[in-house]
Protein backbone atom coordinates (compact mmCIF):
# COMPACT_ATOMS: atom_id res chain seq x y z
CA MET A 1 -7.18 -39.96 -46.15
CA ALA A 2 -7.41 -36.23 -45.30
CA GLU A 3 -5.91 -35.15 -42.02
CA ALA A 4 -8.55 -34.11 -39.45
CA LEU A 5 -8.73 -30.40 -38.68
CA GLU A 6 -7.69 -29.40 -35.17
CA VAL A 7 -7.66 -26.22 -33.12
CA THR A 8 -6.27 -25.61 -29.61
CA PRO A 9 -7.48 -23.35 -26.78
CA ALA A 10 -4.30 -21.30 -27.20
CA GLU A 11 -5.16 -20.62 -30.86
CA LEU A 12 -8.64 -19.50 -29.86
CA ASP A 13 -7.09 -17.18 -27.25
CA ALA A 14 -4.94 -15.67 -29.99
CA PHE A 15 -8.05 -15.10 -32.11
CA ALA A 16 -9.71 -13.41 -29.13
CA ASP A 17 -6.73 -11.04 -28.74
CA ARG A 18 -6.79 -10.13 -32.43
CA LEU A 19 -10.54 -9.58 -32.34
CA GLY A 20 -10.18 -7.35 -29.28
CA GLU A 21 -7.64 -5.18 -31.11
CA VAL A 22 -9.97 -4.86 -34.09
CA GLU A 23 -12.91 -3.93 -31.84
CA SER A 24 -10.79 -1.28 -30.16
CA TYR A 25 -9.69 0.21 -33.46
CA LEU A 26 -13.20 0.25 -34.92
CA HIS A 27 -14.58 1.95 -31.75
CA LEU A 28 -17.47 -0.48 -31.70
CA ASP A 29 -19.24 1.04 -28.67
CA GLU A 30 -19.21 4.43 -30.38
CA LYS A 31 -20.59 2.86 -33.55
CA ARG A 32 -23.49 1.31 -31.64
CA THR A 33 -24.31 4.69 -30.13
CA ARG A 34 -24.03 6.32 -33.53
CA VAL A 35 -26.51 3.84 -35.07
CA THR A 36 -29.02 4.57 -32.30
CA GLU A 37 -28.68 8.31 -32.91
CA LEU A 38 -29.00 8.01 -36.68
CA GLU A 39 -31.99 5.65 -36.50
CA ALA A 40 -33.77 8.11 -34.20
CA LYS A 41 -33.00 10.86 -36.70
CA SER A 42 -34.30 8.77 -39.60
CA VAL A 43 -37.80 8.46 -38.11
CA ALA A 44 -38.09 12.15 -37.18
CA PRO A 45 -40.65 14.26 -39.07
CA GLY A 46 -39.21 15.95 -42.16
CA PHE A 47 -36.25 13.54 -42.42
CA TRP A 48 -36.84 12.98 -46.15
CA ASP A 49 -37.34 16.66 -46.94
CA ASP A 50 -33.65 16.74 -47.92
CA ALA A 51 -33.48 13.54 -49.99
CA ASP A 52 -29.70 13.63 -50.56
CA ALA A 53 -28.93 14.10 -46.85
CA ALA A 54 -31.42 11.39 -45.95
CA ARG A 55 -29.86 8.90 -48.36
CA ALA A 56 -26.40 9.69 -46.97
CA THR A 57 -27.68 9.04 -43.45
CA MET A 58 -29.26 5.73 -44.45
CA GLU A 59 -26.03 4.69 -46.17
CA GLU A 60 -24.05 5.52 -43.01
CA ILE A 61 -26.48 3.45 -40.93
CA ALA A 62 -26.05 0.51 -43.29
CA ARG A 63 -22.23 0.75 -43.30
CA THR A 64 -22.01 1.09 -39.54
CA LYS A 65 -24.39 -1.81 -38.95
CA GLU A 66 -22.30 -3.92 -41.33
CA ASP A 67 -19.17 -3.28 -39.22
CA ILE A 68 -21.01 -4.11 -36.02
CA ALA A 69 -22.54 -7.28 -37.49
CA ALA A 70 -19.18 -8.50 -38.78
CA VAL A 71 -17.60 -8.23 -35.33
CA ASP A 72 -20.66 -9.70 -33.59
CA THR A 73 -20.61 -12.65 -36.01
CA ALA A 74 -16.91 -13.20 -35.33
CA ARG A 75 -17.57 -13.09 -31.58
CA GLY A 76 -20.31 -15.68 -32.05
CA GLU A 77 -17.99 -17.95 -34.06
CA LEU A 78 -15.34 -17.68 -31.33
CA SER A 79 -17.88 -18.56 -28.63
CA ASP A 80 -19.16 -21.54 -30.64
CA ALA A 81 -15.63 -22.86 -31.20
CA ARG A 82 -14.78 -22.57 -27.49
CA ALA A 83 -17.99 -24.31 -26.46
CA ALA A 84 -17.47 -27.18 -28.89
CA LEU A 85 -13.85 -27.65 -27.81
CA GLU A 86 -14.69 -27.55 -24.10
CA LEU A 87 -17.52 -30.05 -24.54
CA ALA A 88 -15.23 -32.36 -26.50
CA GLU A 89 -12.69 -32.25 -23.66
CA GLU A 90 -15.40 -33.14 -21.14
CA MET A 91 -16.55 -36.09 -23.28
CA GLY A 92 -13.09 -37.63 -23.30
CA ASP A 93 -12.94 -40.73 -25.52
CA ASP A 94 -16.57 -40.57 -26.59
CA PRO A 95 -16.74 -40.98 -30.41
CA ASP A 96 -18.86 -37.81 -30.67
CA ALA A 97 -15.97 -35.82 -29.15
CA ALA A 98 -13.99 -36.14 -32.37
CA THR A 99 -16.91 -34.69 -34.31
CA LEU A 100 -17.08 -31.75 -31.92
CA ARG A 101 -13.35 -31.12 -32.32
CA GLU A 102 -13.75 -31.07 -36.10
CA GLU A 103 -16.67 -28.64 -35.77
CA ALA A 104 -14.55 -26.41 -33.54
CA ALA A 105 -11.70 -26.48 -36.07
CA ALA A 106 -14.02 -25.68 -39.00
CA THR A 107 -15.54 -22.78 -37.05
CA ALA A 108 -12.06 -21.52 -36.18
CA GLU A 109 -11.12 -21.62 -39.86
CA ARG A 110 -14.09 -19.39 -40.74
CA LEU A 111 -13.20 -17.15 -37.82
CA ALA A 112 -9.63 -16.75 -39.05
CA ARG A 113 -10.84 -15.57 -42.47
CA ALA A 114 -13.30 -13.16 -40.86
CA ILE A 115 -10.64 -11.66 -38.60
CA ASP A 116 -8.28 -11.28 -41.57
CA GLU A 117 -10.95 -9.21 -43.33
CA LEU A 118 -11.66 -7.14 -40.20
CA GLU A 119 -7.95 -6.47 -39.65
CA LEU A 120 -7.56 -5.44 -43.25
CA SER A 121 -10.41 -2.94 -42.94
CA SER A 122 -8.90 -1.60 -39.70
CA TRP A 123 -5.68 -0.73 -41.53
CA PHE A 124 -7.54 1.73 -43.76
CA THR A 125 -7.09 5.10 -42.09
CA GLY A 126 -7.19 7.38 -45.14
CA GLU A 127 -10.07 9.80 -45.63
CA PHE A 128 -11.44 7.89 -48.62
CA ASP A 129 -10.22 4.34 -47.94
CA HIS A 130 -13.66 2.96 -47.10
CA GLY A 131 -15.26 4.49 -50.21
CA ASP A 132 -15.44 3.86 -53.93
CA ALA A 133 -12.64 4.11 -56.49
CA ILE A 134 -11.95 5.21 -60.04
CA VAL A 135 -9.39 3.02 -61.79
CA THR A 136 -7.58 3.93 -65.02
CA ILE A 137 -5.27 1.57 -66.94
CA LYS A 138 -2.99 2.94 -69.66
CA PRO A 139 -0.45 1.23 -71.94
CA GLY A 140 3.20 2.10 -71.42
CA GLN A 141 6.37 0.98 -73.18
CA GLY A 142 5.90 -1.94 -75.56
CA GLY A 143 3.82 -0.64 -78.48
CA LEU A 144 1.03 -2.97 -79.61
CA GLU A 145 1.95 -5.44 -76.89
CA ALA A 146 1.31 -2.80 -74.23
CA GLN A 147 -2.21 -2.26 -75.54
CA ASP A 148 -2.88 -5.99 -75.32
CA TRP A 149 -1.38 -6.05 -71.82
CA THR A 150 -3.71 -3.19 -70.83
CA PHE A 151 -6.67 -5.30 -71.94
CA MET A 152 -5.37 -8.30 -69.98
CA LEU A 153 -5.11 -6.19 -66.82
CA PHE A 154 -8.57 -4.77 -67.43
CA LYS A 155 -10.05 -8.29 -67.57
CA MET A 156 -8.06 -9.30 -64.47
CA TYR A 157 -9.52 -6.42 -62.46
CA MET A 158 -13.03 -7.19 -63.68
CA LYS A 159 -12.62 -10.70 -62.27
CA TYR A 160 -11.17 -9.37 -59.02
CA CYS A 161 -14.05 -6.97 -58.50
CA GLN A 162 -16.47 -9.81 -59.16
CA ARG A 163 -14.72 -11.95 -56.54
CA ARG A 164 -15.00 -9.12 -53.99
CA GLY A 165 -18.67 -8.54 -54.78
CA TRP A 166 -18.08 -4.97 -55.95
CA LYS A 167 -20.18 -3.19 -58.55
CA VAL A 168 -18.27 -1.98 -61.62
CA THR A 169 -19.27 0.74 -64.07
CA ILE A 170 -17.09 0.87 -67.18
CA ASN A 171 -16.69 4.54 -68.07
CA ASP A 172 -14.32 4.22 -71.01
CA CYS A 173 -12.69 1.29 -72.81
CA PRO A 174 -11.96 2.09 -76.48
CA ALA A 175 -10.50 -0.62 -78.68
CA ALA A 176 -6.99 -0.18 -80.04
CA GLU A 177 -6.49 -0.27 -83.80
CA VAL A 178 -4.76 -3.68 -83.91
CA ILE A 179 -5.01 -5.54 -80.57
CA GLY A 180 -6.03 -4.71 -77.04
CA ILE A 181 -7.39 -1.37 -75.86
CA ASP A 182 -6.14 2.21 -75.83
CA ARG A 183 -7.03 2.62 -72.15
CA ALA A 184 -9.70 1.71 -69.62
CA THR A 185 -11.42 3.75 -66.93
CA PHE A 186 -13.98 2.22 -64.59
CA THR A 187 -15.66 3.07 -61.30
CA VAL A 188 -15.74 0.48 -58.51
CA GLU A 189 -18.41 0.66 -55.79
CA GLY A 190 -18.14 -1.48 -52.68
CA LYS A 191 -16.82 -1.80 -49.17
CA ASP A 192 -13.21 -0.55 -48.86
CA ALA A 193 -12.87 -0.43 -52.66
CA PHE A 194 -10.45 2.51 -52.73
CA GLY A 195 -8.48 1.26 -49.75
CA MET A 196 -8.04 -2.15 -51.34
CA LEU A 197 -7.37 -1.04 -54.89
CA ARG A 198 -4.79 1.63 -54.11
CA ALA A 199 -2.43 -1.31 -53.59
CA GLU A 200 -2.59 -1.71 -57.39
CA ALA A 201 -1.51 1.81 -58.30
CA GLY A 202 1.75 1.81 -60.25
CA VAL A 203 3.51 0.16 -63.19
CA HIS A 204 2.78 -3.49 -64.06
CA ARG A 205 5.31 -5.43 -66.17
CA LEU A 206 4.57 -8.42 -68.43
CA VAL A 207 7.17 -10.82 -69.87
CA ARG A 208 5.98 -13.36 -72.47
CA ILE A 209 6.40 -14.68 -76.00
CA SER A 210 4.92 -12.01 -78.23
CA PRO A 211 1.68 -13.16 -79.94
CA THR A 212 2.30 -10.58 -82.69
CA ASP A 213 5.90 -11.58 -83.45
CA ASP A 214 6.32 -14.16 -86.23
CA LYS A 215 9.72 -15.12 -84.78
CA LYS A 216 8.13 -15.81 -81.36
CA ARG A 217 10.60 -13.68 -79.45
CA ARG A 218 10.27 -12.77 -75.81
CA GLN A 219 8.73 -9.35 -75.24
CA THR A 220 8.60 -7.12 -72.15
CA THR A 221 5.71 -4.69 -71.95
CA PHE A 222 4.29 -2.27 -69.40
CA ALA A 223 0.98 -0.74 -68.34
CA GLY A 224 0.21 1.83 -65.68
CA VAL A 225 -2.64 1.67 -63.16
CA GLU A 226 -4.01 4.82 -61.54
CA VAL A 227 -6.43 4.64 -58.61
CA ILE A 228 -8.22 7.72 -57.27
CA PRO A 229 -11.15 8.00 -54.86
CA VAL A 230 -14.71 8.86 -55.77
CA LEU A 231 -15.30 12.10 -53.90
CA PRO A 232 -18.12 12.19 -51.33
CA ASP A 233 -21.01 14.53 -52.09
CA ASP A 234 -19.95 16.93 -49.33
CA ILE A 235 -16.71 17.74 -51.19
CA ASP A 236 -17.58 20.23 -53.90
CA ILE A 237 -15.14 21.08 -56.67
CA GLU A 238 -16.26 24.10 -58.68
CA ILE A 239 -15.63 23.95 -62.42
CA SER A 240 -16.48 26.93 -64.58
CA PRO A 241 -18.34 26.05 -67.81
CA ASP A 242 -15.88 28.37 -69.59
CA ASP A 243 -12.97 26.14 -68.51
CA ILE A 244 -14.19 22.99 -70.26
CA ARG A 245 -15.05 21.78 -73.76
CA VAL A 246 -17.49 18.92 -74.21
CA ASP A 247 -17.21 16.80 -77.36
CA VAL A 248 -19.62 14.05 -78.37
CA TYR A 249 -18.60 11.15 -80.61
CA HIS A 250 -19.50 7.59 -81.57
CA ALA A 251 -18.73 4.97 -78.93
CA SER A 252 -16.83 1.74 -79.51
CA GLY A 253 -15.88 -1.12 -77.26
CA PRO A 254 -12.84 -3.39 -76.92
CA GLY A 255 -12.32 -5.64 -79.90
CA GLY A 256 -14.14 -3.25 -82.18
CA GLN A 257 -17.74 -3.95 -81.09
CA GLY A 258 -20.06 -0.98 -80.98
CA VAL A 259 -21.14 -0.13 -77.45
CA ASN A 260 -24.25 1.49 -78.89
CA THR A 261 -25.49 2.94 -82.15
CA THR A 262 -25.71 6.63 -81.21
CA ASP A 263 -23.19 9.42 -80.67
CA SER A 264 -23.36 9.07 -76.88
CA ALA A 265 -19.67 8.94 -75.96
CA VAL A 266 -18.47 12.12 -74.27
CA ARG A 267 -15.03 13.74 -74.03
CA VAL A 268 -14.49 16.57 -71.53
CA THR A 269 -11.36 18.72 -71.85
CA HIS A 270 -10.40 20.92 -68.90
CA PHE A 271 -8.31 23.79 -70.28
CA PRO A 272 -6.55 25.06 -67.09
CA SER A 273 -5.19 21.62 -66.14
CA GLY A 274 -5.01 19.96 -69.55
CA ILE A 275 -6.96 16.96 -68.19
CA VAL A 276 -9.03 15.05 -70.75
CA VAL A 277 -11.69 12.60 -69.56
CA THR A 278 -13.72 10.32 -71.82
CA CYS A 279 -16.70 8.14 -70.95
CA GLN A 280 -18.67 5.73 -73.11
CA ASN A 281 -21.05 2.94 -72.21
CA GLU A 282 -24.62 1.89 -72.84
CA ARG A 283 -26.13 4.81 -70.97
CA SER A 284 -27.22 8.18 -72.35
CA GLN A 285 -25.05 11.11 -73.40
CA ILE A 286 -26.20 13.03 -70.31
CA GLN A 287 -25.14 10.20 -68.00
CA ASN A 288 -21.79 9.87 -69.75
CA LYS A 289 -21.16 13.58 -69.25
CA ALA A 290 -22.06 13.26 -65.56
CA ALA A 291 -19.58 10.38 -65.21
CA CYS A 292 -16.89 12.46 -66.96
CA MET A 293 -17.46 15.36 -64.58
CA GLN A 294 -17.23 13.04 -61.55
CA ILE A 295 -13.85 11.72 -62.74
CA LEU A 296 -12.64 15.22 -63.65
CA LYS A 297 -13.54 16.56 -60.20
CA ALA A 298 -11.73 13.65 -58.54
CA ARG A 299 -8.59 14.35 -60.58
CA LEU A 300 -8.73 18.10 -59.90
CA TYR A 301 -9.07 17.36 -56.19
CA GLU A 302 -6.06 15.08 -56.49
CA ILE A 303 -4.05 17.93 -58.03
CA GLU A 304 -5.09 20.25 -55.22
CA LEU A 305 -3.87 17.70 -52.67
CA GLU A 306 -0.60 17.49 -54.55
CA LYS A 307 -0.17 21.26 -54.35
CA ARG A 308 -0.80 21.24 -50.61
CA ALA A 309 1.30 18.21 -49.72
CA GLU A 310 3.86 18.34 -52.57
CA ALA A 311 3.35 14.63 -53.03
CA LEU A 312 0.57 12.30 -54.10
CA ASP A 313 1.89 9.00 -52.76
CA GLU A 314 -0.94 8.54 -50.25
CA ILE A 315 -3.57 8.79 -52.96
CA ARG A 316 -2.25 6.96 -56.01
CA GLY A 317 1.46 6.31 -55.54
CA PRO A 318 4.36 8.25 -57.08
CA LYS A 319 4.14 9.43 -60.68
CA THR A 320 6.64 7.49 -62.75
CA THR A 321 7.33 6.59 -66.35
CA ILE A 322 5.35 3.50 -67.36
CA GLY A 323 8.44 1.51 -68.27
CA PHE A 324 11.67 -0.16 -67.16
CA GLY A 325 12.76 0.23 -63.55
CA ASN A 326 9.47 1.56 -62.21
CA GLN A 327 7.31 -1.57 -61.97
CA ILE A 328 5.59 -2.58 -58.74
CA ARG A 329 4.77 -6.08 -59.96
CA SER A 330 6.06 -8.45 -62.63
CA TYR A 331 4.00 -11.07 -64.45
CA VAL A 332 6.34 -13.55 -66.14
CA LEU A 333 4.82 -16.09 -68.54
CA TYR A 334 8.08 -17.15 -70.22
CA PRO A 335 10.66 -18.71 -69.73
CA TYR A 336 9.03 -19.61 -66.40
CA GLN A 337 5.73 -18.64 -64.80
CA MET A 338 5.69 -16.25 -61.86
CA VAL A 339 3.79 -13.24 -60.57
CA LYS A 340 5.83 -11.30 -58.02
CA ASP A 341 5.20 -8.03 -56.19
CA LEU A 342 8.51 -6.21 -56.02
CA ARG A 343 7.51 -4.18 -52.96
CA THR A 344 6.38 -6.97 -50.67
CA GLY A 345 7.99 -10.10 -52.10
CA VAL A 346 4.59 -11.84 -52.38
CA GLU A 347 4.73 -14.23 -55.33
CA THR A 348 2.97 -17.19 -56.94
CA SER A 349 3.62 -19.51 -59.86
CA ASN A 350 -0.11 -19.85 -60.53
CA VAL A 351 -0.33 -17.05 -63.08
CA GLU A 352 -3.66 -18.32 -64.44
CA ALA A 353 -5.32 -17.82 -61.07
CA VAL A 354 -4.11 -14.22 -61.02
CA LEU A 355 -4.68 -13.16 -64.64
CA ASP A 356 -7.67 -15.31 -65.58
CA ASP A 357 -9.49 -15.60 -62.24
CA GLY A 358 -8.53 -12.29 -60.59
CA ASP A 359 -7.05 -13.94 -57.49
CA LEU A 360 -5.36 -10.75 -56.25
CA ASP A 361 -6.14 -10.84 -52.54
CA PRO A 362 -2.73 -12.29 -51.56
CA PHE A 363 -1.04 -9.35 -53.32
CA VAL A 364 -3.47 -6.68 -52.12
CA ILE A 365 -3.51 -7.89 -48.51
CA GLY A 366 0.24 -8.45 -48.63
CA TYR A 367 0.76 -4.86 -49.75
CA HIS A 368 -1.35 -3.40 -46.94
CA ARG A 369 0.34 -5.60 -44.33
CA TRP A 370 3.71 -4.44 -45.69
CA ALA A 371 2.65 -0.78 -45.81
CA THR A 372 1.23 -0.90 -42.28
CA GLY A 373 4.42 -2.53 -41.00
CA ASN A 374 6.56 0.15 -42.63
CA ALA A 375 4.40 2.90 -41.18
CA ASP A 376 4.67 1.38 -37.70
CA ALA A 377 8.44 1.10 -38.08
CA GLU A 378 8.74 4.74 -39.15
CA GLY A 379 6.51 5.81 -36.30
CA SER A 380 8.72 3.98 -33.79
CA GLU A 381 11.96 5.64 -34.92
CA VAL A 382 13.59 7.88 -32.36
C-alpha cells in the first residue's frame, strides 16, 4: 500500500520564502507596470506601421505575462494548500480531513516543481539567457565511433527539446560515410533555451563496446557540443558580400536519406575569420542561406566578445580539444552503466532515460545550481 502524501505548515512556509525571493528577483511589480505600458502602446494608432517593432513588442508582452502568470499560479497553489491543511486541522478526526491533507500534499508537490522552474529561470542573468540557442555537435577523438556518438547525442538533444516543449529547426546534419553523422547544427526556440542549454557546452565522453569492432573491445570516444545564442534583431552584425562565398550543393540527411531532391543545401564561407557554416533541410535555398547568415553572425559576435573579454567562458565554455582530459560528462555503457557530470557530481545509472528519452533536467539544473553556488562563493570572498 502506497504511503499517503503529507505536507506540514513549516514546509509551506519554506515554499512561501522561496517564492518571495523569486518574486523579488523577477521584479514582478515592475513587470506588471511594463505590461500595462506595452498594451497601451499596442493599441495606439500606427502601432503596426513598423511590423518588426510591433512583433517584438507583442513578444515581450507575451513573455512578461508568462512570468507573471507563473508566479500568480504558484501563489494560488500555495494558498490552496494552506487552506486545505488548515481546514483539515479544524476537522480533526473527520474522515474527510485525511482527503484534504492528501489534496494539500499533492498541491504542494506541484508547487515545489513550479518553484524549481521559477528559481532556475531566476538564475539566468546573462544577456541572452532567456532567448533561443544554436547548438552544434562535432565528433572528436575516436574515428568512426565518434561520428556515431555525435549522432547519439543529436538524438538525445532532440528528445530533450521535445520534453521541454521547445521548437527545433535542424540546420545541418550530414550523414557520415560509414556510421553516424559528420556534425549537427540546429536552432532551438523556447523559454530560457540558451540559458538551459549552455550547461551542455563542452566535451562529452562515451565508453562502450564498439559496435564496429569484430573483437568487441571497449572503445572510448568523444564529441564536442557548442552552444551560442541567437542574436536579437536589435544587434546588427555587418558582413560585406565581398567577405563571403556562397556554395550550393545537394542535401543529404543522417543515414544517407536525401533531405530533398534539389540542390538547396548552402555553404557560406567567411574569408576574414575562416568560419564555414552549412545549412540543409526541407526548406528553400534562400531560407537555408538566411539560416547560414544567422549562425555566421552569431559566431562573429561571439568572436567579438572574445576579443573584448579575452575569454568566452560565459557564452559557450572554454575552447578545448575534443578528447581525453577535457570532458564535462561521461556516459559509460560498459563495464557498468553510469552517466556522470564531472563538474557537479550529478550522476545516474539509468543511461537509457538520458540517451534514449532525453532526461537531462537533473544534469542541466544541477549545473546551474552548481554554477550559481560558485558565483555566490566567489562574490563573497574578501
